[in-house]
PDB file of all heavy atoms in Angstrom:
ATOM      1  N   TRP A   1     131.665 110.056 101.888  1.00  0.00           N
ATOM      2  CA  TRP A   1     131.328 110.269 100.481  1.00  0.00           C
ATOM      3  C   TRP A   1     130.666 109.022  99.881  1.00  0.00           C
ATOM      4  O   TRP A   1     129.902 109.132  98.916  1.00  0.00           O
ATOM      5  CB  TRP A   1     132.585 110.612  99.690  1.00  0.00           C
ATOM      6  CG  TRP A   1     133.240 111.858 100.184  1.00  0.00           C
ATOM      7  CD1 TRP A   1     134.342 111.952 100.946  1.00  0.00           C
ATOM      8  CD2 TRP A   1     132.792 113.194  99.967  1.00  0.00           C
ATOM      9  NE1 TRP A   1     134.630 113.254 101.234  1.00  0.00           N
ATOM     10  CE2 TRP A   1     133.685 114.053 100.621  1.00  0.00           C
ATOM     11  CE3 TRP A   1     131.700 113.757  99.283  1.00  0.00           C
ATOM     12  CZ2 TRP A   1     133.548 115.428 100.619  1.00  0.00           C
ATOM     13  CZ3 TRP A   1     131.566 115.132  99.272  1.00  0.00           C
ATOM     14  CH2 TRP A   1     132.475 115.966  99.943  1.00  0.00           C
ATOM     15  N   GLY A   2     130.918 107.818 100.406  1.00  0.00           N
ATOM     16  CA  GLY A   2     130.248 106.605  99.910  1.00  0.00           C
ATOM     17  C   GLY A   2     128.853 106.423 100.482  1.00  0.00           C
ATOM     18  O   GLY A   2     127.973 105.839  99.848  1.00  0.00           O
ATOM     19  N   VAL A   3     128.605 106.889 101.701  1.00  0.00           N
ATOM     20  CA  VAL A   3     127.296 106.728 102.342  1.00  0.00           C
ATOM     21  C   VAL A   3     126.303 107.764 101.830  1.00  0.00           C
ATOM     22  O   VAL A   3     125.091 107.526 101.798  1.00  0.00           O
ATOM     23  CB  VAL A   3     127.466 106.824 103.873  1.00  0.00           C
ATOM     24  CG1 VAL A   3     126.114 106.784 104.587  1.00  0.00           C
ATOM     25  CG2 VAL A   3     128.368 105.713 104.367  1.00  0.00           C
ATOM     26  N   LEU A   4     126.791 108.928 101.402  1.00  0.00           N
ATOM     27  CA  LEU A   4     125.906 110.017 101.002  1.00  0.00           C
ATOM     28  C   LEU A   4     124.957 109.644  99.865  1.00  0.00           C
ATOM     29  O   LEU A   4     123.750 109.939  99.936  1.00  0.00           O
ATOM     30  CB  LEU A   4     126.744 111.243 100.632  1.00  0.00           C
ATOM     31  CG  LEU A   4     125.969 112.518 100.321  1.00  0.00           C
ATOM     32  CD1 LEU A   4     125.124 112.940 101.519  1.00  0.00           C
ATOM     33  CD2 LEU A   4     126.931 113.644  99.934  1.00  0.00           C
ATOM     34  N   PRO A   5     125.414 109.000  98.778  1.00  0.00           N
ATOM     35  CA  PRO A   5     124.451 108.628  97.723  1.00  0.00           C
ATOM     36  C   PRO A   5     123.362 107.695  98.206  1.00  0.00           C
ATOM     37  O   PRO A   5     122.200 107.787  97.781  1.00  0.00           O
ATOM     38  CB  PRO A   5     125.338 107.971  96.663  1.00  0.00           C
ATOM     39  CG  PRO A   5     126.698 108.525  96.903  1.00  0.00           C
ATOM     40  CD  PRO A   5     126.794 108.690  98.376  1.00  0.00           C
ATOM     41  N   VAL A   6     123.676 106.733  99.113  1.00  0.00           N
ATOM     42  CA  VAL A   6     122.665 105.801  99.624  1.00  0.00           C
ATOM     43  C   VAL A   6     121.598 106.554 100.407  1.00  0.00           C
ATOM     44  O   VAL A   6     120.391 106.298 100.293  1.00  0.00           O
ATOM     45  CB  VAL A   6     123.350 104.716 100.492  1.00  0.00           C
ATOM     46  CG1 VAL A   6     122.300 103.772 101.106  1.00  0.00           C
ATOM     47  CG2 VAL A   6     124.353 103.937  99.660  1.00  0.00           C
ATOM     48  N   LEU A   7     122.035 107.498 101.223  1.00  0.00           N
ATOM     49  CA  LEU A   7     121.084 108.288 102.000  1.00  0.00           C
ATOM     50  C   LEU A   7     120.167 109.104 101.087  1.00  0.00           C
ATOM     51  O   LEU A   7     118.959 109.233 101.341  1.00  0.00           O
ATOM     52  CB  LEU A   7     121.832 109.212 102.963  1.00  0.00           C
ATOM     53  CG  LEU A   7     122.623 108.517 104.076  1.00  0.00           C
ATOM     54  CD1 LEU A   7     123.388 109.549 104.899  1.00  0.00           C
ATOM     55  CD2 LEU A   7     121.688 107.716 104.976  1.00  0.00           C
ATOM     56  N   LEU A   8     120.720 109.669 100.023  1.00  0.00           N
ATOM     57  CA  LEU A   8     119.898 110.432  99.085  1.00  0.00           C
ATOM     58  C   LEU A   8     118.862 109.540  98.402  1.00  0.00           C
ATOM     59  O   LEU A   8     117.699 109.943  98.208  1.00  0.00           O
ATOM     60  CB  LEU A   8     120.798 111.110  98.046  1.00  0.00           C
ATOM     61  CG  LEU A   8     121.698 112.247  98.570  1.00  0.00           C
ATOM     62  CD1 LEU A   8     122.613 112.740  97.447  1.00  0.00           C
ATOM     63  CD2 LEU A   8     120.847 113.396  99.099  1.00  0.00           C
ATOM     64  N   LEU A   9     119.256 108.306  98.024  1.00  0.00           N
ATOM     65  CA  LEU A   9     118.325 107.383  97.370  1.00  0.00           C
ATOM     66  C   LEU A   9     117.193 107.003  98.302  1.00  0.00           C
ATOM     67  O   LEU A   9     116.013 106.960  97.906  1.00  0.00           O
ATOM     68  CB  LEU A   9     119.082 106.154  96.886  1.00  0.00           C
ATOM     69  CG  LEU A   9     118.257 105.074  96.176  1.00  0.00           C
ATOM     70  CD1 LEU A   9     117.565 105.639  94.933  1.00  0.00           C
ATOM     71  CD2 LEU A   9     119.124 103.882  95.790  1.00  0.00           C
ATOM     72  N   LEU A  10     117.522 106.698  99.570  1.00  0.00           N
ATOM     73  CA  LEU A  10     116.476 106.341 100.530  1.00  0.00           C
ATOM     74  C   LEU A  10     115.504 107.501 100.747  1.00  0.00           C
ATOM     75  O   LEU A  10     114.292 107.308 100.894  1.00  0.00           O
ATOM     76  CB  LEU A  10     117.107 105.920 101.858  1.00  0.00           C
ATOM     77  CG  LEU A  10     117.894 104.601 101.829  1.00  0.00           C
ATOM     78  CD1 LEU A  10     118.563 104.354 103.178  1.00  0.00           C
ATOM     79  CD2 LEU A  10     116.966 103.428 101.498  1.00  0.00           C
ATOM     80  N   THR A  11     116.026 108.700 100.768  1.00  0.00           N
ATOM     81  CA  THR A  11     115.170 109.874 100.965  1.00  0.00           C
ATOM     82  C   THR A  11     114.183 110.026  99.814  1.00  0.00           C
ATOM     83  O   THR A  11     112.993 110.319 100.010  1.00  0.00           O
ATOM     84  CB  THR A  11     116.032 111.129 101.090  1.00  0.00           C
ATOM     85  OG1 THR A  11     116.960 110.975 102.171  1.00  0.00           O
ATOM     86  CG2 THR A  11     115.176 112.358 101.353  1.00  0.00           C
ATOM     87  N   VAL A  12     114.667 109.835  98.588  1.00  0.00           N
ATOM     88  CA  VAL A  12     113.785 109.939  97.416  1.00  0.00           C
ATOM     89  C   VAL A  12     112.692 108.882  97.459  1.00  0.00           C
ATOM     90  O   VAL A  12     111.513 109.140  97.177  1.00  0.00           O
ATOM     91  CB  VAL A  12     114.617 109.836  96.132  1.00  0.00           C
ATOM     92  CG1 VAL A  12     113.704 109.739  94.909  1.00  0.00           C
ATOM     93  CG2 VAL A  12     115.538 111.040  96.006  1.00  0.00           C
ATOM     94  N   LEU A  13     113.042 107.627  97.838  1.00  0.00           N
ATOM     95  CA  LEU A  13     112.051 106.547  97.903  1.00  0.00           C
ATOM     96  C   LEU A  13     110.983 106.833  98.950  1.00  0.00           C
ATOM     97  O   LEU A  13     109.789 106.565  98.748  1.00  0.00           O
ATOM     98  CB  LEU A  13     112.760 105.215  98.194  1.00  0.00           C
ATOM     99  CG  LEU A  13     113.666 104.696  97.074  1.00  0.00           C
ATOM    100  CD1 LEU A  13     114.368 103.409  97.520  1.00  0.00           C
ATOM    101  CD2 LEU A  13     112.847 104.419  95.806  1.00  0.00           C
ATOM    102  N   VAL A  14     111.400 107.382 100.092  1.00  0.00           N
ATOM    103  CA  VAL A  14     110.431 107.682 101.144  1.00  0.00           C
ATOM    104  C   VAL A  14     109.464 108.767 100.678  1.00  0.00           C
ATOM    105  O   VAL A  14     108.251 108.695 100.915  1.00  0.00           O
ATOM    106  CB  VAL A  14     111.171 108.110 102.416  1.00  0.00           C
ATOM    107  CG1 VAL A  14     110.183 108.684 103.451  1.00  0.00           C
ATOM    108  CG2 VAL A  14     111.910 106.924 103.006  1.00  0.00           C
ATOM    109  N   VAL A  15     109.972 109.781  99.976  1.00  0.00           N
ATOM    110  CA  VAL A  15     109.111 110.856  99.490  1.00  0.00           C
ATOM    111  C   VAL A  15     108.102 110.320  98.475  1.00  0.00           C
ATOM    112  O   VAL A  15     106.899 110.646  98.504  1.00  0.00           O
ATOM    113  CB  VAL A  15     109.964 111.981  98.887  1.00  0.00           C
ATOM    114  CG1 VAL A  15     109.080 113.014  98.176  1.00  0.00           C
ATOM    115  CG2 VAL A  15     110.796 112.658  99.971  1.00  0.00           C
ATOM    116  N   VAL A  16     108.559 109.467  97.578  1.00  0.00           N
ATOM    117  CA  VAL A  16     107.646 108.897  96.575  1.00  0.00           C
ATOM    118  C   VAL A  16     106.585 108.030  97.215  1.00  0.00           C
ATOM    119  O   VAL A  16     105.395 108.073  96.868  1.00  0.00           O
ATOM    120  CB  VAL A  16     108.469 108.116  95.530  1.00  0.00           C
ATOM    121  CG1 VAL A  16     107.543 107.362  94.574  1.00  0.00           C
ATOM    122  CG2 VAL A  16     109.368 109.073  94.753  1.00  0.00           C
ATOM    123  N   TRP A  17     107.000 107.235  98.210  1.00  0.00           N
ATOM    124  CA  TRP A  17     106.028 106.339  98.875  1.00  0.00           C
ATOM    125  C   TRP A  17     104.961 107.140  99.603  1.00  0.00           C
ATOM    126  O   TRP A  17     103.793 106.798  99.576  1.00  0.00           O
ATOM    127  CB  TRP A  17     106.783 105.427  99.848  1.00  0.00           C
ATOM    128  CG  TRP A  17     105.868 104.522 100.617  1.00  0.00           C
ATOM    129  CD1 TRP A  17     105.276 103.370 100.222  1.00  0.00           C
ATOM    130  CD2 TRP A  17     105.433 104.769 101.942  1.00  0.00           C
ATOM    131  NE1 TRP A  17     104.491 102.840 101.186  1.00  0.00           N
ATOM    132  CE2 TRP A  17     104.565 103.696 102.288  1.00  0.00           C
ATOM    133  CE3 TRP A  17     105.667 105.763 102.872  1.00  0.00           C
ATOM    134  CZ2 TRP A  17     103.958 103.601 103.535  1.00  0.00           C
ATOM    135  CZ3 TRP A  17     105.057 105.659 104.106  1.00  0.00           C
ATOM    136  CH2 TRP A  17     104.214 104.597 104.436  1.00  0.00           C
ATOM    137  N   ARG A  18     105.366 108.230 100.237  1.00  0.00           N
ATOM    138  CA  ARG A  18     104.394 109.045 100.972  1.00  0.00           C
ATOM    139  C   ARG A  18     103.409 109.692 100.012  1.00  0.00           C
ATOM    140  O   ARG A  18     102.215 109.808 100.301  1.00  0.00           O
ATOM    141  CB  ARG A  18     105.119 110.119 101.786  1.00  0.00           C
ATOM    142  CG  ARG A  18     105.811 109.550 103.031  1.00  0.00           C
ATOM    143  CD  ARG A  18     106.463 110.666 103.823  1.00  0.00           C
ATOM    144  NE  ARG A  18     107.059 110.143 105.045  1.00  0.00           N
ATOM    145  CZ  ARG A  18     107.727 110.895 105.921  1.00  0.00           C
ATOM    146  NH1 ARG A  18     107.858 112.203 105.688  1.00  0.00           N
ATOM    147  NH2 ARG A  18     108.225 110.346 107.001  1.00  0.00           N
ATOM    148  N   ARG A  19     103.851 110.135  98.848  1.00  0.00           N
ATOM    149  CA  ARG A  19     102.946 110.749  97.889  1.00  0.00           C
ATOM    150  C   ARG A  19     101.924 109.740  97.362  1.00  0.00           C
ATOM    151  O   ARG A  19     100.745 110.049  97.181  1.00  0.00           O
ATOM    152  CB  ARG A  19     103.730 111.353  96.734  1.00  0.00           C
ATOM    153  CG  ARG A  19     104.500 112.625  97.124  1.00  0.00           C
ATOM    154  CD  ARG A  19     105.254 113.166  95.947  1.00  0.00           C
ATOM    155  NE  ARG A  19     105.965 114.413  96.301  1.00  0.00           N
ATOM    156  CZ  ARG A  19     106.750 115.074  95.447  1.00  0.00           C
ATOM    157  NH1 ARG A  19     106.897 114.605  94.199  1.00  0.00           N
ATOM    158  NH2 ARG A  19     107.338 116.172  95.851  1.00  0.00           N
ATOM    159  N   GLN A  20     102.408 108.529  97.106  1.00  0.00           N
ATOM    160  CA  GLN A  20     101.493 107.516  96.583  1.00  0.00           C
ATOM    161  C   GLN A  20     100.488 107.052  97.633  1.00  0.00           C
ATOM    162  O   GLN A  20      99.336 106.740  97.326  1.00  0.00           O
ATOM    163  CB  GLN A  20     102.301 106.311  96.063  1.00  0.00           C
ATOM    164  CG  GLN A  20     103.093 106.629  94.800  1.00  0.00           C
ATOM    165  CD  GLN A  20     103.876 105.420  94.311  1.00  0.00           C
ATOM    166  OE1 GLN A  20     103.940 104.392  95.002  1.00  0.00           O
ATOM    167  NE2 GLN A  20     104.471 105.538  93.122  1.00  0.00           N
ATOM    168  N   SER A  21     100.933 107.036  98.896  1.00  0.00           N
ATOM    169  CA  SER A  21     100.017 106.573  99.955  1.00  0.00           C
ATOM    170  C   SER A  21      98.896 107.595 100.219  1.00  0.00           C
ATOM    171  O   SER A  21      97.860 107.244 100.764  1.00  0.00           O
ATOM    172  CB  SER A  21     100.783 106.293 101.243  1.00  0.00           C
ATOM    173  OG  SER A  21     101.395 107.491 101.701  1.00  0.00           O
ATOM    174  N   LYS A  22      99.063 108.835  99.853  1.00  0.00           N
ATOM    175  CA  LYS A  22      98.058 109.858 100.065  1.00  0.00           C
ATOM    176  C   LYS A  22      97.019 109.914  98.938  1.00  0.00           C
ATOM    177  O   LYS A  22      96.016 110.615  99.057  1.00  0.00           O
ATOM    178  CB  LYS A  22      98.713 111.232 100.201  1.00  0.00           C
ATOM    179  CG  LYS A  22      99.528 111.370 101.481  1.00  0.00           C
ATOM    180  CD  LYS A  22     100.168 112.749 101.563  1.00  0.00           C
ATOM    181  CE  LYS A  22     100.980 112.875 102.832  1.00  0.00           C
ATOM    182  NZ  LYS A  22     101.615 114.208 102.920  1.00  0.00           N
ATOM    183  N   ARG A  23      97.184 109.212  97.812  1.00  0.00           N
ATOM    184  CA  ARG A  23      96.222 109.246  96.711  1.00  0.00           C
ATOM    185  C   ARG A  23      94.981 108.432  97.064  1.00  0.00           C
ATOM    186  O   ARG A  23      95.088 107.379  97.706  1.00  0.00           O
ATOM    187  CB  ARG A  23      96.862 108.701  95.442  1.00  0.00           C
ATOM    188  CG  ARG A  23      97.974 109.603  94.885  1.00  0.00           C
ATOM    189  CD  ARG A  23      98.570 108.987  93.639  1.00  0.00           C
ATOM    190  NE  ARG A  23      99.637 109.826  93.105  1.00  0.00           N
ATOM    191  CZ  ARG A  23     100.352 109.509  92.014  1.00  0.00           C
ATOM    192  NH1 ARG A  23     100.083 108.388  91.361  1.00  0.00           N
ATOM    193  NH2 ARG A  23     101.296 110.328  91.611  1.00  0.00           N
ATOM    194  N   PRO A  24      93.719 108.835  96.631  1.00  0.00           N
ATOM    195  CA  PRO A  24      92.496 108.044  96.921  1.00  0.00           C
ATOM    196  C   PRO A  24      92.488 106.747  96.106  1.00  0.00           C
ATOM    197  O   PRO A  24      93.156 106.645  95.086  1.00  0.00           O
ATOM    198  CB  PRO A  24      91.368 108.994  96.489  1.00  0.00           C
ATOM    199  CG  PRO A  24      92.018 109.918  95.503  1.00  0.00           C
ATOM    200  CD  PRO A  24      93.438 110.092  95.949  1.00  0.00           C
ATOM    201  N   PRO A  25      91.718 105.782  96.572  1.00  0.00           N
ATOM    202  CA  PRO A  25      91.662 104.490  95.833  1.00  0.00           C
ATOM    203  C   PRO A  25      91.096 104.695  94.441  1.00  0.00           C
ATOM    204  O   PRO A  25      90.217 105.530  94.229  1.00  0.00           O
ATOM    205  CB  PRO A  25      90.737 103.635  96.700  1.00  0.00           C
ATOM    206  CG  PRO A  25      90.765 104.276  98.059  1.00  0.00           C
ATOM    207  CD  PRO A  25      90.947 105.731  97.828  1.00  0.00           C
ATOM    208  N   GLY A  26      91.533 103.925  93.508  1.00  0.00           N
ATOM    209  CA  GLY A  26      91.082 103.994  92.134  1.00  0.00           C
ATOM    210  C   GLY A  26      91.823 104.986  91.302  1.00  0.00           C
ATOM    211  O   GLY A  26      91.590 105.096  90.103  1.00  0.00           O
ATOM    212  N   THR A  27      92.685 105.771  91.917  1.00  0.00           N
ATOM    213  CA  THR A  27      93.471 106.730  91.150  1.00  0.00           C
ATOM    214  C   THR A  27      94.507 105.995  90.336  1.00  0.00           C
ATOM    215  O   THR A  27      95.142 105.074  90.849  1.00  0.00           O
ATOM    216  CB  THR A  27      94.169 107.725  92.098  1.00  0.00           C
ATOM    217  OG1 THR A  27      93.176 108.343  92.917  1.00  0.00           O
ATOM    218  CG2 THR A  27      94.935 108.765  91.319  1.00  0.00           C
ATOM    219  N   PRO A  28      94.657 106.335  89.065  1.00  0.00           N
ATOM    220  CA  PRO A  28      95.657 105.608  88.248  1.00  0.00           C
ATOM    221  C   PRO A  28      97.037 105.689  88.899  1.00  0.00           C
ATOM    222  O   PRO A  28      97.458 106.728  89.408  1.00  0.00           O
ATOM    223  CB  PRO A  28      95.624 106.364  86.912  1.00  0.00           C
ATOM    224  CG  PRO A  28      94.313 107.016  86.874  1.00  0.00           C
ATOM    225  CD  PRO A  28      93.954 107.355  88.269  1.00  0.00           C
ATOM    226  N   GLY A  29      97.645 104.560  88.855  1.00  0.00           N
ATOM    227  CA  GLY A  29      98.984 104.456  89.449  1.00  0.00           C
ATOM    228  C   GLY A  29      98.943 104.010  90.865  1.00  0.00           C
ATOM    229  O   GLY A  29      99.978 103.795  91.472  1.00  0.00           O
ATOM    230  N   THR A  30      97.664 103.843  91.490  1.00  0.00           N
ATOM    231  CA  THR A  30      97.565 103.407  92.886  1.00  0.00           C
ATOM    232  C   THR A  30      96.823 102.103  92.918  1.00  0.00           C
ATOM    233  O   THR A  30      95.711 102.016  92.391  1.00  0.00           O
ATOM    234  CB  THR A  30      96.805 104.432  93.734  1.00  0.00           C
ATOM    235  OG1 THR A  30      97.473 105.684  93.588  1.00  0.00           O
ATOM    236  CG2 THR A  30      96.769 104.028  95.185  1.00  0.00           C
TER     237      THR A  30
END
């Protein structure tokens, strides 16, 4: 029960990073 929140946080960060890495250059926020 203590490890589960950490795993969920890492999963969210990986998903966000992958979305940002797929944006073309010059796109706001990239």
